[in-house]
Amino acid sequence: TTRHRQYDSGLIGGTHHLRGDGTLATTGALVNRGVLDLIHWDGALPPNLVNEGTVLDRSDVRILSSVKNGGLFELTAPGYAGHVYQLKTAEDLVGAWVDAGAPVLGIGTPSAPQVIPFSAPASGDRRFYRVVVTPDP
């Protein structure tokens, strides 16, 4: 886990996880040829960063499919190594969200995400579901 990273210039290779309010700063041109994992990062990429690799951000964590199948609600989402995925459900958007099933550890890569299937009882005609992603400790 990287919270603060300073580069003078050069290349980024491998996988770098930025979390929370961490910073990524450069004093010269910087080229990413690895993976910058920004799913849990609140910062902004420096303007002199050239991306030739992969930037994995919040927009990559999305629902791929969902369907009510008999008494079950089934949902799929992409999974990436280094993250834990938990399906949650609620009766409305102001009440508490509760876990629906066990958490799932992502094992996919940015270029080949693992498709994670979730299944939960479908109670009633209306219910809200979401997937919460947390860093793998």
Protein backbone atom coordinates (compact mmCIF):
# COMPACT_ATOMS: atom_id res chain seq x y z
CA THR A 1 0.00 0.00 0.00
CA THR A 2 1.37 3.36 -1.02
CA ARG A 3 0.14 6.54 0.64
CA HIS A 4 2.72 9.02 -0.65
CA ARG A 5 4.99 8.51 -3.60
CA GLN A 6 7.42 11.02 -5.07
CA TYR A 7 9.06 10.54 -8.47
CA ASP A 8 11.63 12.78 -10.09
CA SER A 9 10.96 11.37 -13.56
CA GLY A 10 11.14 8.06 -15.36
CA LEU A 11 8.99 4.96 -15.59
CA ILE A 12 6.50 3.31 -13.26
CA GLY A 13 6.39 -0.47 -13.59
CA GLY A 14 4.63 -3.14 -11.56
CA THR A 15 1.52 -2.44 -9.50
CA HIS A 16 1.15 0.59 -7.24
CA HIS A 17 -1.82 0.92 -4.88
CA LEU A 18 -2.69 4.44 -3.79
CA ARG A 19 -5.17 4.77 -0.94
CA GLY A 20 -7.05 7.47 0.93
CA ASP A 21 -5.48 10.90 0.81
CA GLY A 22 -2.11 9.64 -0.47
CA THR A 23 -0.20 11.69 -3.01
CA LEU A 24 1.53 10.94 -6.29
CA ALA A 25 3.91 13.76 -7.19
CA THR A 26 6.47 14.19 -9.96
CA THR A 27 9.09 16.80 -10.70
CA GLY A 28 9.61 15.67 -14.30
CA ALA A 29 7.95 13.58 -17.00
CA LEU A 30 6.66 10.27 -15.67
CA VAL A 31 5.45 7.31 -17.73
CA ASN A 32 3.21 4.61 -16.24
CA ARG A 33 3.84 1.23 -17.84
CA GLY A 34 2.49 -0.74 -14.92
CA VAL A 35 -0.78 -0.63 -12.99
CA LEU A 36 -1.87 2.33 -10.88
CA ASP A 37 -4.63 1.06 -8.59
CA LEU A 38 -6.65 4.14 -7.61
CA ILE A 39 -9.93 2.47 -6.53
CA HIS A 40 -9.53 3.70 -2.93
CA TRP A 41 -7.67 6.92 -3.68
CA ASP A 42 -9.01 10.44 -3.22
CA GLY A 43 -6.21 12.23 -5.10
CA ALA A 44 -5.63 13.43 -8.64
CA LEU A 45 -3.04 12.22 -11.12
CA PRO A 46 -0.24 14.70 -11.85
CA PRO A 47 -0.59 16.50 -15.21
CA ASN A 48 2.84 15.33 -16.42
CA LEU A 49 1.96 11.63 -16.11
CA VAL A 50 1.87 9.75 -19.42
CA ASN A 51 -0.20 6.58 -19.14
CA GLU A 52 1.01 3.66 -21.25
CA GLY A 53 -0.15 1.09 -18.71
CA THR A 54 -3.38 0.65 -16.77
CA VAL A 55 -5.09 3.01 -14.38
CA LEU A 56 -7.61 1.07 -12.29
CA ASP A 57 -10.10 3.54 -10.78
CA ARG A 58 -13.59 3.58 -9.27
CA SER A 59 -15.27 3.57 -12.68
CA ASP A 60 -13.82 0.07 -13.25
CA VAL A 61 -15.90 -1.29 -10.36
CA ARG A 62 -19.39 -1.52 -11.83
CA ILE A 63 -22.29 -3.91 -12.03
CA LEU A 64 -22.00 -6.08 -15.16
CA SER A 65 -25.39 -7.78 -14.87
CA SER A 66 -28.28 -8.20 -12.47
CA VAL A 67 -31.44 -10.28 -12.63
CA LYS A 68 -34.17 -11.56 -10.34
CA ASN A 69 -34.23 -15.30 -10.88
CA GLY A 70 -37.08 -16.92 -8.95
CA GLY A 71 -36.43 -16.26 -5.28
CA LEU A 72 -32.88 -15.00 -5.85
CA PHE A 73 -31.32 -11.73 -6.91
CA GLU A 74 -28.20 -12.45 -8.98
CA LEU A 75 -25.55 -9.87 -9.71
CA THR A 76 -22.09 -9.96 -11.34
CA ALA A 77 -19.23 -7.49 -11.02
CA PRO A 78 -15.57 -7.49 -12.10
CA GLY A 79 -13.04 -8.47 -9.44
CA TYR A 80 -9.42 -7.43 -9.11
CA ALA A 81 -6.65 -8.87 -6.93
CA GLY A 82 -6.00 -6.84 -3.80
CA HIS A 83 -9.68 -6.05 -3.19
CA VAL A 84 -12.51 -7.65 -1.22
CA TYR A 85 -16.09 -7.47 -2.56
CA GLN A 86 -19.20 -7.58 -0.41
CA LEU A 87 -22.78 -7.61 -1.70
CA LYS A 88 -25.04 -5.49 0.53
CA THR A 89 -28.78 -4.96 0.52
CA ALA A 90 -31.27 -2.50 2.02
CA GLU A 91 -35.02 -1.93 1.94
CA ASP A 92 -34.55 1.80 1.24
CA LEU A 93 -31.72 4.25 0.64
CA VAL A 94 -31.82 5.81 4.11
CA GLY A 95 -31.77 2.64 6.21
CA ALA A 96 -28.87 0.41 7.12
CA TRP A 97 -27.14 -1.74 4.49
CA VAL A 98 -26.66 -5.36 5.55
CA ASP A 99 -24.32 -7.99 4.16
CA ALA A 100 -25.89 -10.43 1.71
CA GLY A 101 -23.65 -13.47 1.78
CA ALA A 102 -19.94 -13.78 2.44
CA PRO A 103 -17.27 -11.40 1.12
CA VAL A 104 -15.38 -12.48 -2.01
CA LEU A 105 -11.66 -11.92 -2.62
CA GLY A 106 -10.89 -10.60 -6.11
CA ILE A 107 -8.25 -12.53 -8.04
CA GLY A 108 -8.45 -10.97 -11.51
CA THR A 109 -6.08 -8.51 -13.13
CA PRO A 110 -6.87 -5.16 -14.78
CA SER A 111 -6.45 -6.76 -18.20
CA ALA A 112 -8.43 -9.90 -17.23
CA PRO A 113 -10.85 -9.14 -14.37
CA GLN A 114 -12.45 -12.03 -12.53
CA VAL A 115 -16.23 -12.04 -12.91
CA ILE A 116 -17.69 -12.33 -9.41
CA PRO A 117 -21.20 -13.80 -9.16
CA PHE A 118 -23.32 -12.85 -6.14
CA SER A 119 -26.64 -14.37 -5.10
CA ALA A 120 -28.99 -13.18 -2.39
CA PRO A 121 -32.59 -13.92 -1.45
CA ALA A 122 -34.95 -11.61 -3.34
CA SER A 123 -37.44 -10.55 -0.70
CA GLY A 124 -40.37 -8.48 -1.94
CA ASP A 125 -40.70 -6.66 -5.23
CA ARG A 126 -38.40 -3.78 -4.33
CA ARG A 127 -34.99 -3.91 -2.72
CA PHE A 128 -31.67 -2.11 -3.18
CA TYR A 129 -28.33 -3.82 -3.72
CA ARG A 130 -24.76 -2.57 -3.96
CA VAL A 131 -21.26 -3.99 -3.98
CA VAL A 132 -18.80 -2.51 -1.49
CA VAL A 133 -15.11 -2.81 -2.38
CA THR A 134 -12.43 -2.61 0.29
CA PRO A 135 -8.64 -3.08 0.16
CA ASP A 136 -7.50 -6.61 0.98
CA PRO A 137 -5.73 -6.28 4.35
